[in-house]
Amino acid sequence: MANQLVGKANMAVIAGLLAQDSEFDFTCIVDSAANVDALGEFFASRQQRLRVLLEYGLAGGRTGVRNAEQEQQVLEAIQRWPQAISLVGVEIYEGVINEEAPIRAFLQHVMQRTEALAQNGAFAEPTVILTGAGSAWFDVVAEEFRRDSQYLDNQQRFTLDVVLRSGCYLTHDAGIYQQANQRIQAQNPVARQMNSSLQPALQVWAYVQSLPEPGRVIIGLGRRDAGPDAGFPVAAGHFRPQSSHSAGYTTVVPVDKSWEIIKMMDQHAFMSVPAGADIQVGDMLIFDISHPCLTFDRWRQLLRVNEQWDVTGAVTTWF
């Protein structure tokens, strides 16, 4: 779990799963002595052991220890609970940084600290987890976490297991991760050799609900349907169902780039179109999205379609 385990109710859920299934493998991150002590007290009282990763962070960033003093406080707290807390690796999230040079510097620092912890015998298991990488910089993380030596320490006690946690690759998008993928294709020689790329696979369909005034279209697509945190959805296709007064379209047709969502409310989107645009109430529009995560969060099921837009199945989301 790439998060801190906080709160007794949440700890009880994990304790219950550990008790029910001896093969249940759970690891969470820690970045404060207070959290380590709370976990240690809780799991020690149940005679259970919890595996944890030490998280490193950046000033102004999200979670993670910021300096050597905080690091030492967490390590000392782990040592206070030898029967309940096991340090098995290191975790980071580099996605709070937007430039490659500082990302590489941060990753190199984390690798140095991981090696230092191994030299000091801080890890409880011979295979040390080192995990990071969102969906934008996974190539850089993989490169910086690659080592020539099999062992982390001179005594050859610890080897490294690098885990990349990219998630948005599953559906990709036509926004921020498409831009990130373009960087990877341009700079990474392995990506160029593959001669292929991730393709956007997540789109949202919605009806034209109202044409209240020239140049303004109201779409039945709101913040409850698609996350706007990384940019509004972008119209990518147009379909007109057959009716008694319209022959409709036989297939999806492209839309003009001037059709642009300019505002979103809970259940509606405001789209600007040129005067005289061929659009009617009841038309269906397909929208590309940016940043899949918050769109996943809106839907319990996503429909699978083929190239002819026939629904072929459904995927349940757990997000």
C-alpha atoms as a PDB file:
ATOM      1  CA  MET A   1       0.000   0.000   0.000  1.00  0.00           C
ATOM      2  CA  ALA A   2       1.706   3.179  -1.196  1.00  0.00           C
ATOM      3  CA  ASN A   3       0.350   5.122   1.747  1.00  0.00           C
ATOM      4  CA  GLN A   4       0.654   5.379   5.502  1.00  0.00           C
ATOM      5  CA  LEU A   5      -1.555   3.061   7.549  1.00  0.00           C
ATOM      6  CA  VAL A   6      -3.165   5.466  10.021  1.00  0.00           C
ATOM      7  CA  GLY A   7      -6.076   4.982  12.415  1.00  0.00           C
ATOM      8  CA  LYS A   8      -6.971   1.992  14.560  1.00  0.00           C
ATOM      9  CA  ALA A   9      -9.959   1.029  12.411  1.00  0.00           C
ATOM     10  CA  ASN A  10      -7.730   0.797   9.339  1.00  0.00           C
ATOM     11  CA  MET A  11      -5.070  -1.079  11.286  1.00  0.00           C
ATOM     12  CA  ALA A  12      -7.728  -3.531  12.460  1.00  0.00           C
ATOM     13  CA  VAL A  13      -8.679  -4.295   8.849  1.00  0.00           C
ATOM     14  CA  ILE A  14      -5.085  -5.232   8.024  1.00  0.00           C
ATOM     15  CA  ALA A  15      -4.647  -7.159  11.271  1.00  0.00           C
ATOM     16  CA  GLY A  16      -7.768  -9.166  10.447  1.00  0.00           C
ATOM     17  CA  LEU A  17      -6.529 -10.019   6.965  1.00  0.00           C
ATOM     18  CA  LEU A  18      -3.126 -11.046   8.310  1.00  0.00           C
ATOM     19  CA  ALA A  19      -4.818 -13.301  10.863  1.00  0.00           C
ATOM     20  CA  GLN A  20      -7.140 -14.886   8.297  1.00  0.00           C
ATOM     21  CA  ASP A  21      -4.575 -15.623   5.592  1.00  0.00           C
ATOM     22  CA  SER A  22      -0.986 -16.626   6.293  1.00  0.00           C
ATOM     23  CA  GLU A  23      -0.095 -15.872   2.660  1.00  0.00           C
ATOM     24  CA  PHE A  24      -1.516 -12.329   2.738  1.00  0.00           C
ATOM     25  CA  ASP A  25       1.421 -10.080   1.826  1.00  0.00           C
ATOM     26  CA  PHE A  26       0.993  -6.500   3.009  1.00  0.00           C
ATOM     27  CA  THR A  27       3.456  -3.623   3.124  1.00  0.00           C
ATOM     28  CA  CYS A  28       2.805   0.058   3.874  1.00  0.00           C
ATOM     29  CA  ILE A  29       4.969   3.167   4.062  1.00  0.00           C
ATOM     30  CA  VAL A  30       6.101   5.147   7.108  1.00  0.00           C
ATOM     31  CA  ASP A  31       7.593   8.618   7.361  1.00  0.00           C
ATOM     32  CA  SER A  32       7.165   9.574  11.030  1.00  0.00           C
ATOM     33  CA  ALA A  33       8.129   8.143  14.397  1.00  0.00           C
ATOM     34  CA  ALA A  34       4.595   8.832  15.627  1.00  0.00           C
ATOM     35  CA  ASN A  35       3.098   6.564  12.979  1.00  0.00           C
ATOM     36  CA  VAL A  36       5.696   3.841  13.582  1.00  0.00           C
ATOM     37  CA  ASP A  37       4.999   3.878  17.322  1.00  0.00           C
ATOM     38  CA  ALA A  38       1.241   3.701  16.741  1.00  0.00           C
ATOM     39  CA  LEU A  39       1.680   0.754  14.378  1.00  0.00           C
ATOM     40  CA  GLY A  40       4.136  -0.944  16.698  1.00  0.00           C
ATOM     41  CA  GLU A  41       1.853  -0.684  19.702  1.00  0.00           C
ATOM     42  CA  PHE A  42      -1.177  -1.913  17.755  1.00  0.00           C
ATOM     43  CA  PHE A  43       0.421  -4.925  16.060  1.00  0.00           C
ATOM     44  CA  ALA A  44       2.597  -5.890  19.035  1.00  0.00           C
ATOM     45  CA  SER A  45      -0.549  -6.191  21.157  1.00  0.00           C
ATOM     46  CA  ARG A  46      -1.802  -8.758  18.619  1.00  0.00           C
ATOM     47  CA  GLN A  47       1.544 -10.516  18.286  1.00  0.00           C
ATOM     48  CA  GLN A  48       1.649  -9.675  14.583  1.00  0.00           C
ATOM     49  CA  ARG A  49       4.429  -8.302  12.417  1.00  0.00           C
ATOM     50  CA  LEU A  50       3.960  -5.470   9.911  1.00  0.00           C
ATOM     51  CA  ARG A  51       6.299  -4.901   6.951  1.00  0.00           C
ATOM     52  CA  VAL A  52       7.037  -1.236   6.207  1.00  0.00           C
ATOM     53  CA  LEU A  53       8.895   0.899   3.677  1.00  0.00           C
ATOM     54  CA  LEU A  54      10.672   4.107   4.665  1.00  0.00           C
ATOM     55  CA  GLU A  55       9.438   6.956   2.485  1.00  0.00           C
ATOM     56  CA  TYR A  56      11.684   9.789   1.354  1.00  0.00           C
ATOM     57  CA  GLY A  57      10.177  13.084   0.253  1.00  0.00           C
ATOM     58  CA  LEU A  58      11.040  16.603  -0.832  1.00  0.00           C
ATOM     59  CA  ALA A  59      10.577  20.015   0.754  1.00  0.00           C
ATOM     60  CA  GLY A  60       7.273  21.412  -0.463  1.00  0.00           C
ATOM     61  CA  GLY A  61       6.236  17.985  -1.706  1.00  0.00           C
ATOM     62  CA  ARG A  62       3.839  15.423  -0.331  1.00  0.00           C
ATOM     63  CA  THR A  63       4.743  12.818   2.294  1.00  0.00           C
ATOM     64  CA  GLY A  64       8.167  11.364   3.132  1.00  0.00           C
ATOM     65  CA  VAL A  65      11.051  12.232   5.452  1.00  0.00           C
ATOM     66  CA  ARG A  66      12.742  15.469   4.438  1.00  0.00           C
ATOM     67  CA  ASN A  67      16.117  15.292   6.175  1.00  0.00           C
ATOM     68  CA  ALA A  68      18.569  13.125   8.106  1.00  0.00           C
ATOM     69  CA  GLU A  69      17.035  14.030  11.470  1.00  0.00           C
ATOM     70  CA  GLN A  70      13.577  12.831  10.450  1.00  0.00           C
ATOM     71  CA  GLU A  71      15.074   9.718   8.895  1.00  0.00           C
ATOM     72  CA  GLN A  72      16.882   8.879  12.129  1.00  0.00           C
ATOM     73  CA  GLN A  73      13.744   9.410  14.203  1.00  0.00           C
ATOM     74  CA  VAL A  74      11.830   6.920  12.062  1.00  0.00           C
ATOM     75  CA  LEU A  75      14.649   4.367  12.154  1.00  0.00           C
ATOM     76  CA  GLU A  76      14.900   4.624  15.941  1.00  0.00           C
ATOM     77  CA  ALA A  77      11.147   4.145  16.238  1.00  0.00           C
ATOM     78  CA  ILE A  78      11.344   0.997  14.092  1.00  0.00           C
ATOM     79  CA  GLN A  79      14.061  -0.341  16.391  1.00  0.00           C
ATOM     80  CA  ARG A  80      11.743   0.151  19.382  1.00  0.00           C
ATOM     81  CA  TRP A  81       9.370  -2.472  17.967  1.00  0.00           C
ATOM     82  CA  PRO A  82      11.597  -5.365  16.802  1.00  0.00           C
ATOM     83  CA  GLN A  83       8.819  -7.950  17.185  1.00  0.00           C
ATOM     84  CA  ALA A  84       6.143  -5.909  15.410  1.00  0.00           C
ATOM     85  CA  ILE A  85       7.715  -3.689  12.720  1.00  0.00           C
ATOM     86  CA  SER A  86      10.066  -4.866   9.952  1.00  0.00           C
ATOM     87  CA  LEU A  87      11.768  -2.418   7.602  1.00  0.00           C
ATOM     88  CA  VAL A  88      11.836  -4.141   4.211  1.00  0.00           C
ATOM     89  CA  GLY A  89      12.572  -1.315   1.802  1.00  0.00           C
ATOM     90  CA  VAL A  90      12.273   2.265   0.613  1.00  0.00           C
ATOM     91  CA  GLU A  91       9.471   4.116  -1.187  1.00  0.00           C
ATOM     92  CA  ILE A  92       9.285   7.426  -3.031  1.00  0.00           C
ATOM     93  CA  TYR A  93       6.895   9.345  -5.259  1.00  0.00           C
ATOM     94  CA  GLU A  94       8.661  11.602  -7.725  1.00  0.00           C
ATOM     95  CA  GLY A  95       5.499  12.892  -9.415  1.00  0.00           C
ATOM     96  CA  VAL A  96       5.483  16.089  -7.339  1.00  0.00           C
ATOM     97  CA  ILE A  97       8.523  17.243  -9.375  1.00  0.00           C
ATOM     98  CA  ASN A  98       8.049  18.541 -12.907  1.00  0.00           C
ATOM     99  CA  GLU A  99      11.608  18.702 -14.262  1.00  0.00           C
ATOM    100  CA  GLU A 100      13.958  15.862 -15.152  1.00  0.00           C
ATOM    101  CA  ALA A 101      17.150  17.211 -13.548  1.00  0.00           C
ATOM    102  CA  PRO A 102      15.747  17.570 -10.003  1.00  0.00           C
ATOM    103  CA  ILE A 103      13.978  14.218 -10.373  1.00  0.00           C
ATOM    104  CA  ARG A 104      17.274  12.523 -11.189  1.00  0.00           C
ATOM    105  CA  ALA A 105      18.984  14.259  -8.266  1.00  0.00           C
ATOM    106  CA  PHE A 106      16.244  13.081  -5.905  1.00  0.00           C
ATOM    107  CA  LEU A 107      16.397   9.508  -7.211  1.00  0.00           C
ATOM    108  CA  GLN A 108      20.172   9.417  -6.848  1.00  0.00           C
ATOM    109  CA  HIS A 109      19.863  10.641  -3.249  1.00  0.00           C
ATOM    110  CA  VAL A 110      17.304   7.925  -2.503  1.00  0.00           C
ATOM    111  CA  MET A 111      19.549   5.246  -3.994  1.00  0.00           C
ATOM    112  CA  GLN A 112      22.446   6.469  -1.859  1.00  0.00           C
ATOM    113  CA  ARG A 113      20.302   6.333   1.274  1.00  0.00           C
ATOM    114  CA  THR A 114      19.065   2.834   0.398  1.00  0.00           C
ATOM    115  CA  GLU A 115      22.643   1.635   0.015  1.00  0.00           C
ATOM    116  CA  ALA A 116      23.609   3.294   3.312  1.00  0.00           C
ATOM    117  CA  LEU A 117      20.737   1.590   5.130  1.00  0.00           C
ATOM    118  CA  ALA A 118      21.852  -1.733   3.696  1.00  0.00           C
ATOM    119  CA  GLN A 119      25.442  -1.150   4.807  1.00  0.00           C
ATOM    120  CA  ASN A 120      24.125  -0.483   8.327  1.00  0.00           C
ATOM    121  CA  GLY A 121      22.041  -3.663   8.300  1.00  0.00           C
ATOM    122  CA  ALA A 122      18.794  -1.735   8.723  1.00  0.00           C
ATOM    123  CA  PHE A 123      16.640  -4.036   6.599  1.00  0.00           C
ATOM    124  CA  ALA A 124      14.866  -7.069   8.031  1.00  0.00           C
ATOM    125  CA  GLU A 125      14.802  -9.154   4.841  1.00  0.00           C
ATOM    126  CA  PRO A 126      17.528 -10.046   2.316  1.00  0.00           C
ATOM    127  CA  THR A 127      15.520  -8.743  -0.649  1.00  0.00           C
ATOM    128  CA  VAL A 128      15.092  -4.986  -0.290  1.00  0.00           C
ATOM    129  CA  ILE A 129      12.150  -3.309  -2.037  1.00  0.00           C
ATOM    130  CA  LEU A 130      12.833   0.016  -3.757  1.00  0.00           C
ATOM    131  CA  THR A 131       9.662   1.417  -5.273  1.00  0.00           C
ATOM    132  CA  GLY A 132       8.638   4.584  -7.055  1.00  0.00           C
ATOM    133  CA  ALA A 133       7.494   5.908 -10.423  1.00  0.00           C
ATOM    134  CA  GLY A 134       4.172   7.400 -11.304  1.00  0.00           C
ATOM    135  CA  SER A 135       3.070   7.280 -14.935  1.00  0.00           C
ATOM    136  CA  ALA A 136       5.082  10.269 -16.176  1.00  0.00           C
ATOM    137  CA  TRP A 137       8.716   9.531 -15.260  1.00  0.00           C
ATOM    138  CA  PHE A 138       8.883   5.743 -14.991  1.00  0.00           C
ATOM    139  CA  ASP A 139      11.664   5.540 -17.578  1.00  0.00           C
ATOM    140  CA  VAL A 140      13.866   7.893 -15.555  1.00  0.00           C
ATOM    141  CA  VAL A 141      13.117   6.021 -12.324  1.00  0.00           C
ATOM    142  CA  ALA A 142      13.970   2.686 -13.949  1.00  0.00           C
ATOM    143  CA  GLU A 143      17.241   4.104 -15.262  1.00  0.00           C
ATOM    144  CA  GLU A 144      18.335   5.684 -11.964  1.00  0.00           C
ATOM    145  CA  PHE A 145      17.375   2.633  -9.895  1.00  0.00           C
ATOM    146  CA  ARG A 146      19.387   0.274 -12.105  1.00  0.00           C
ATOM    147  CA  ARG A 147      22.610  -0.998 -10.496  1.00  0.00           C
ATOM    148  CA  ASP A 148      25.630  -2.855 -11.842  1.00  0.00           C
ATOM    149  CA  SER A 149      26.245  -4.679  -8.571  1.00  0.00           C
ATOM    150  CA  GLN A 150      23.926  -7.456  -7.461  1.00  0.00           C
ATOM    151  CA  TYR A 151      24.304  -6.544  -3.804  1.00  0.00           C
ATOM    152  CA  LEU A 152      23.490  -3.317  -1.978  1.00  0.00           C
ATOM    153  CA  ASP A 153      26.152  -3.785   0.698  1.00  0.00           C
ATOM    154  CA  ASN A 154      29.763  -4.895   0.945  1.00  0.00           C
ATOM    155  CA  GLN A 155      28.815  -7.874   3.116  1.00  0.00           C
ATOM    156  CA  GLN A 156      26.531  -9.142   0.315  1.00  0.00           C
ATOM    157  CA  ARG A 157      23.539  -9.488   2.625  1.00  0.00           C
ATOM    158  CA  PHE A 158      20.981  -7.510   0.617  1.00  0.00           C
ATOM    159  CA  THR A 159      19.817  -7.533  -3.001  1.00  0.00           C
ATOM    160  CA  LEU A 160      17.449  -5.053  -4.612  1.00  0.00           C
ATOM    161  CA  ASP A 161      13.927  -5.570  -5.952  1.00  0.00           C
ATOM    162  CA  VAL A 162      12.838  -2.489  -7.911  1.00  0.00           C
ATOM    163  CA  VAL A 163       9.062  -2.069  -8.190  1.00  0.00           C
ATOM    164  CA  LEU A 164       7.631   0.542 -10.581  1.00  0.00           C
ATOM    165  CA  ARG A 165       4.154   1.681  -9.558  1.00  0.00           C
ATOM    166  CA  SER A 166       2.900   3.281 -12.762  1.00  0.00           C
ATOM    167  CA  GLY A 167      -0.870   2.940 -12.944  1.00  0.00           C
ATOM    168  CA  CYS A 168      -2.251   5.189 -15.670  1.00  0.00           C
ATOM    169  CA  TYR A 169      -0.559   3.130 -18.395  1.00  0.00           C
ATOM    170  CA  LEU A 170      -3.561   0.800 -18.076  1.00  0.00           C
ATOM    171  CA  THR A 171      -5.778   3.147 -20.082  1.00  0.00           C
ATOM    172  CA  HIS A 172      -3.385   6.030 -20.795  1.00  0.00           C
ATOM    173  CA  ASP A 173      -4.999   9.348 -21.777  1.00  0.00           C
ATOM    174  CA  ALA A 174      -4.981  12.100 -24.385  1.00  0.00           C
ATOM    175  CA  GLY A 175      -3.683  14.759 -21.977  1.00  0.00           C
ATOM    176  CA  ILE A 176      -0.876  14.944 -19.451  1.00  0.00           C
ATOM    177  CA  TYR A 177       0.271  11.344 -19.873  1.00  0.00           C
ATOM    178  CA  GLN A 178       0.186  11.579 -23.636  1.00  0.00           C
ATOM    179  CA  GLN A 179       2.544  14.544 -23.253  1.00  0.00           C
ATOM    180  CA  ALA A 180       4.745  12.534 -20.883  1.00  0.00           C
ATOM    181  CA  ASN A 181       4.762   9.635 -23.328  1.00  0.00           C
ATOM    182  CA  GLN A 182       5.887  11.936 -26.125  1.00  0.00           C
ATOM    183  CA  ARG A 183       8.891  12.893 -23.979  1.00  0.00           C
ATOM    184  CA  ILE A 184       9.700   9.223 -23.406  1.00  0.00           C
ATOM    185  CA  GLN A 185       9.411   8.430 -27.115  1.00  0.00           C
ATOM    186  CA  ALA A 186      11.724  11.319 -27.968  1.00  0.00           C
ATOM    187  CA  GLN A 187      14.398  10.678 -25.322  1.00  0.00           C
ATOM    188  CA  ASN A 188      14.403   7.000 -24.424  1.00  0.00           C
ATOM    189  CA  PRO A 189      16.298   4.703 -26.841  1.00  0.00           C
ATOM    190  CA  VAL A 190      14.422   1.595 -25.681  1.00  0.00           C
ATOM    191  CA  ALA A 191      11.090   3.256 -26.460  1.00  0.00           C
ATOM    192  CA  ARG A 192      12.340   4.205 -29.921  1.00  0.00           C
ATOM    193  CA  GLN A 193      13.505   0.648 -30.583  1.00  0.00           C
ATOM    194  CA  MET A 194      10.057  -0.679 -29.680  1.00  0.00           C
ATOM    195  CA  ASN A 195       8.589   1.582 -32.388  1.00  0.00           C
ATOM    196  CA  SER A 196       5.256   1.656 -30.581  1.00  0.00           C
ATOM    197  CA  SER A 197       3.560   3.700 -27.931  1.00  0.00           C
ATOM    198  CA  LEU A 198       0.792   3.669 -25.366  1.00  0.00           C
ATOM    199  CA  GLN A 199      -2.615   4.478 -26.846  1.00  0.00           C
ATOM    200  CA  PRO A 200      -5.488   6.309 -25.104  1.00  0.00           C
ATOM    201  CA  ALA A 201      -8.231   3.817 -24.251  1.00  0.00           C
ATOM    202  CA  LEU A 202     -10.515   5.692 -21.841  1.00  0.00           C
ATOM    203  CA  GLN A 203     -13.233   7.949 -23.256  1.00  0.00           C
ATOM    204  CA  VAL A 204     -16.514   9.283 -21.932  1.00  0.00           C
ATOM    205  CA  TRP A 205     -19.687   9.521 -24.009  1.00  0.00           C
ATOM    206  CA  ALA A 206     -22.367  12.134 -23.320  1.00  0.00           C
ATOM    207  CA  TYR A 207     -25.492  13.595 -24.908  1.00  0.00           C
ATOM    208  CA  VAL A 208     -26.022  17.127 -26.105  1.00  0.00           C
ATOM    209  CA  GLN A 209     -28.649  18.273 -23.624  1.00  0.00           C
ATOM    210  CA  SER A 210     -29.411  21.841 -24.644  1.00  0.00           C
ATOM    211  CA  LEU A 211     -28.604  24.528 -27.225  1.00  0.00           C
ATOM    212  CA  PRO A 212     -29.751  27.557 -25.237  1.00  0.00           C
ATOM    213  CA  GLU A 213     -28.035  30.255 -27.297  1.00  0.00           C
ATOM    214  CA  PRO A 214     -25.832  30.558 -30.406  1.00  0.00           C
ATOM    215  CA  GLY A 215     -22.363  29.187 -29.862  1.00  0.00           C
ATOM    216  CA  ARG A 216     -23.183  27.523 -26.542  1.00  0.00           C
ATOM    217  CA  VAL A 217     -23.846  23.807 -26.092  1.00  0.00           C
ATOM    218  CA  ILE A 218     -24.764  22.200 -22.776  1.00  0.00           C
ATOM    219  CA  ILE A 219     -23.507  18.630 -22.458  1.00  0.00           C
ATOM    220  CA  GLY A 220     -24.718  16.041 -19.947  1.00  0.00           C
ATOM    221  CA  LEU A 221     -21.165  15.607 -18.727  1.00  0.00           C
ATOM    222  CA  GLY A 222     -20.064  16.971 -15.375  1.00  0.00           C
ATOM    223  CA  ARG A 223     -17.476  16.701 -12.664  1.00  0.00           C
ATOM    224  CA  ARG A 224     -19.361  13.637 -11.459  1.00  0.00           C
ATOM    225  CA  ASP A 225     -18.537  11.914 -14.754  1.00  0.00           C
ATOM    226  CA  ALA A 226     -14.954  12.928 -15.562  1.00  0.00           C
ATOM    227  CA  GLY A 227     -12.198  14.482 -13.495  1.00  0.00           C
ATOM    228  CA  PRO A 228     -11.218  17.981 -14.671  1.00  0.00           C
ATOM    229  CA  ASP A 229      -8.129  18.305 -12.440  1.00  0.00           C
ATOM    230  CA  ALA A 230      -5.651  18.066 -15.336  1.00  0.00           C
ATOM    231  CA  GLY A 231      -7.734  19.827 -17.962  1.00  0.00           C
ATOM    232  CA  PHE A 232     -11.278  19.639 -19.253  1.00  0.00           C
ATOM    233  CA  PRO A 233     -12.343  16.683 -21.437  1.00  0.00           C
ATOM    234  CA  VAL A 234     -11.747  17.256 -25.147  1.00  0.00           C
ATOM    235  CA  ALA A 235     -14.381  16.405 -27.773  1.00  0.00           C
ATOM    236  CA  ALA A 236     -13.012  13.663 -30.032  1.00  0.00           C
ATOM    237  CA  GLY A 237     -16.023  12.205 -31.840  1.00  0.00           C
ATOM    238  CA  HIS A 238     -19.610  13.004 -32.829  1.00  0.00           C
ATOM    239  CA  PHE A 239     -22.526  10.636 -33.462  1.00  0.00           C
ATOM    240  CA  ARG A 240     -26.125  11.434 -34.381  1.00  0.00           C
ATOM    241  CA  PRO A 241     -28.639   8.664 -33.619  1.00  0.00           C
ATOM    242  CA  GLN A 242     -31.273   7.955 -36.250  1.00  0.00           C
ATOM    243  CA  SER A 243     -34.708   9.437 -35.575  1.00  0.00           C
ATOM    244  CA  SER A 244     -37.970  10.220 -37.359  1.00  0.00           C
ATOM    245  CA  HIS A 245     -36.635  13.603 -38.431  1.00  0.00           C
ATOM    246  CA  SER A 246     -32.987  12.694 -39.011  1.00  0.00           C
ATOM    247  CA  ALA A 247     -31.214   9.938 -40.899  1.00  0.00           C
ATOM    248  CA  GLY A 248     -28.457  10.142 -38.314  1.00  0.00           C
ATOM    249  CA  TYR A 249     -24.858   9.115 -38.824  1.00  0.00           C
ATOM    250  CA  THR A 250     -23.767   5.636 -39.796  1.00  0.00           C
ATOM    251  CA  THR A 251     -20.571   5.986 -37.789  1.00  0.00           C
ATOM    252  CA  VAL A 252     -18.716   8.305 -35.455  1.00  0.00           C
ATOM    253  CA  VAL A 253     -17.313  11.372 -37.198  1.00  0.00           C
ATOM    254  CA  PRO A 254     -14.499  13.651 -36.014  1.00  0.00           C
ATOM    255  CA  VAL A 255     -15.255  17.023 -34.481  1.00  0.00           C
ATOM    256  CA  ASP A 256     -13.759  20.410 -35.195  1.00  0.00           C
ATOM    257  CA  LYS A 257     -11.007  21.403 -32.773  1.00  0.00           C
ATOM    258  CA  SER A 258     -12.891  24.622 -32.108  1.00  0.00           C
ATOM    259  CA  TRP A 259     -15.509  22.663 -30.139  1.00  0.00           C
ATOM    260  CA  GLU A 260     -14.193  23.298 -26.656  1.00  0.00           C
ATOM    261  CA  ILE A 261     -15.451  22.765 -23.124  1.00  0.00           C
ATOM    262  CA  ILE A 262     -14.956  26.014 -21.235  1.00  0.00           C
ATOM    263  CA  LYS A 263     -16.649  25.204 -17.924  1.00  0.00           C
ATOM    264  CA  MET A 264     -17.823  22.174 -15.949  1.00  0.00           C
ATOM    265  CA  MET A 265     -20.382  21.907 -13.167  1.00  0.00           C
ATOM    266  CA  ASP A 266     -21.447  18.832 -11.201  1.00  0.00           C
ATOM    267  CA  GLN A 267     -23.616  17.392 -13.993  1.00  0.00           C
ATOM    268  CA  HIS A 268     -23.128  19.712 -16.961  1.00  0.00           C
ATOM    269  CA  ALA A 269     -20.391  20.927 -19.272  1.00  0.00           C
ATOM    270  CA  PHE A 270     -20.471  24.214 -21.192  1.00  0.00           C
ATOM    271  CA  MET A 271     -19.077  23.800 -24.692  1.00  0.00           C
ATOM    272  CA  SER A 272     -18.247  26.624 -27.053  1.00  0.00           C
ATOM    273  CA  VAL A 273     -18.819  26.000 -30.776  1.00  0.00           C
ATOM    274  CA  PRO A 274     -18.744  28.283 -33.831  1.00  0.00           C
ATOM    275  CA  ALA A 275     -22.008  29.831 -34.933  1.00  0.00           C
ATOM    276  CA  GLY A 276     -23.779  27.513 -37.357  1.00  0.00           C
ATOM    277  CA  ALA A 277     -22.006  24.374 -36.119  1.00  0.00           C
ATOM    278  CA  ASP A 278     -23.788  21.165 -37.142  1.00  0.00           C
ATOM    279  CA  ILE A 279     -24.893  19.978 -33.710  1.00  0.00           C
ATOM    280  CA  GLN A 280     -28.327  19.040 -32.363  1.00  0.00           C
ATOM    281  CA  VAL A 281     -29.966  18.179 -29.061  1.00  0.00           C
ATOM    282  CA  GLY A 282     -29.705  14.408 -28.676  1.00  0.00           C
ATOM    283  CA  ASP A 283     -26.388  14.118 -30.498  1.00  0.00           C
ATOM    284  CA  MET A 284     -23.747  12.026 -28.762  1.00  0.00           C
ATOM    285  CA  LEU A 285     -20.201  13.255 -28.244  1.00  0.00           C
ATOM    286  CA  ILE A 286     -17.100  11.279 -27.315  1.00  0.00           C
ATOM    287  CA  PHE A 287     -14.616  12.965 -25.013  1.00  0.00           C
ATOM    288  CA  ASP A 288     -10.953  12.232 -24.414  1.00  0.00           C
ATOM    289  CA  ILE A 289      -9.844  12.809 -20.840  1.00  0.00           C
ATOM    290  CA  SER A 290      -6.653  13.858 -19.092  1.00  0.00           C
ATOM    291  CA  HIS A 291      -5.467  11.987 -15.965  1.00  0.00           C
ATOM    292  CA  PRO A 292      -7.509   8.749 -15.806  1.00  0.00           C
ATOM    293  CA  CYS A 293      -7.523   8.401 -12.015  1.00  0.00           C
ATOM    294  CA  LEU A 294     -10.362  10.758 -11.198  1.00  0.00           C
ATOM    295  CA  THR A 295     -12.442   9.419 -14.077  1.00  0.00           C
ATOM    296  CA  PHE A 296     -11.969   5.853 -12.770  1.00  0.00           C
ATOM    297  CA  ASP A 297     -13.259   7.140  -9.460  1.00  0.00           C
ATOM    298  CA  ARG A 298     -16.565   8.230 -11.041  1.00  0.00           C
ATOM    299  CA  TRP A 299     -17.536   4.859 -12.497  1.00  0.00           C
ATOM    300  CA  ARG A 300     -18.126   1.480 -10.860  1.00  0.00           C
ATOM    301  CA  GLN A 301     -18.038  -0.157 -14.268  1.00  0.00           C
ATOM    302  CA  LEU A 302     -16.412   0.802 -17.549  1.00  0.00           C
ATOM    303  CA  LEU A 303     -17.785  -0.566 -20.817  1.00  0.00           C
ATOM    304  CA  ARG A 304     -15.436  -2.264 -23.274  1.00  0.00           C
ATOM    305  CA  VAL A 305     -16.068  -1.548 -26.955  1.00  0.00           C
ATOM    306  CA  ASN A 306     -14.625  -2.800 -30.223  1.00  0.00           C
ATOM    307  CA  GLU A 307     -13.524  -0.701 -33.185  1.00  0.00           C
ATOM    308  CA  GLN A 308     -17.140  -0.445 -34.358  1.00  0.00           C
ATOM    309  CA  TRP A 309     -18.183   0.915 -30.925  1.00  0.00           C
ATOM    310  CA  ASP A 310     -20.150  -2.243 -30.095  1.00  0.00           C
ATOM    311  CA  VAL A 311     -20.181  -2.937 -26.353  1.00  0.00           C
ATOM    312  CA  THR A 312     -18.359  -6.224 -25.797  1.00  0.00           C
ATOM    313  CA  GLY A 313     -18.122  -6.350 -22.017  1.00  0.00           C
ATOM    314  CA  ALA A 314     -17.639  -4.418 -18.807  1.00  0.00           C
ATOM    315  CA  VAL A 315     -14.777  -3.892 -16.380  1.00  0.00           C
ATOM    316  CA  THR A 316     -15.427  -3.337 -12.686  1.00  0.00           C
ATOM    317  CA  THR A 317     -13.318  -0.584 -11.128  1.00  0.00           C
ATOM    318  CA  TRP A 318     -11.826  -0.792  -7.638  1.00  0.00           C
ATOM    319  CA  PHE A 319     -10.454   2.638  -7.036  1.00  0.00           C
END
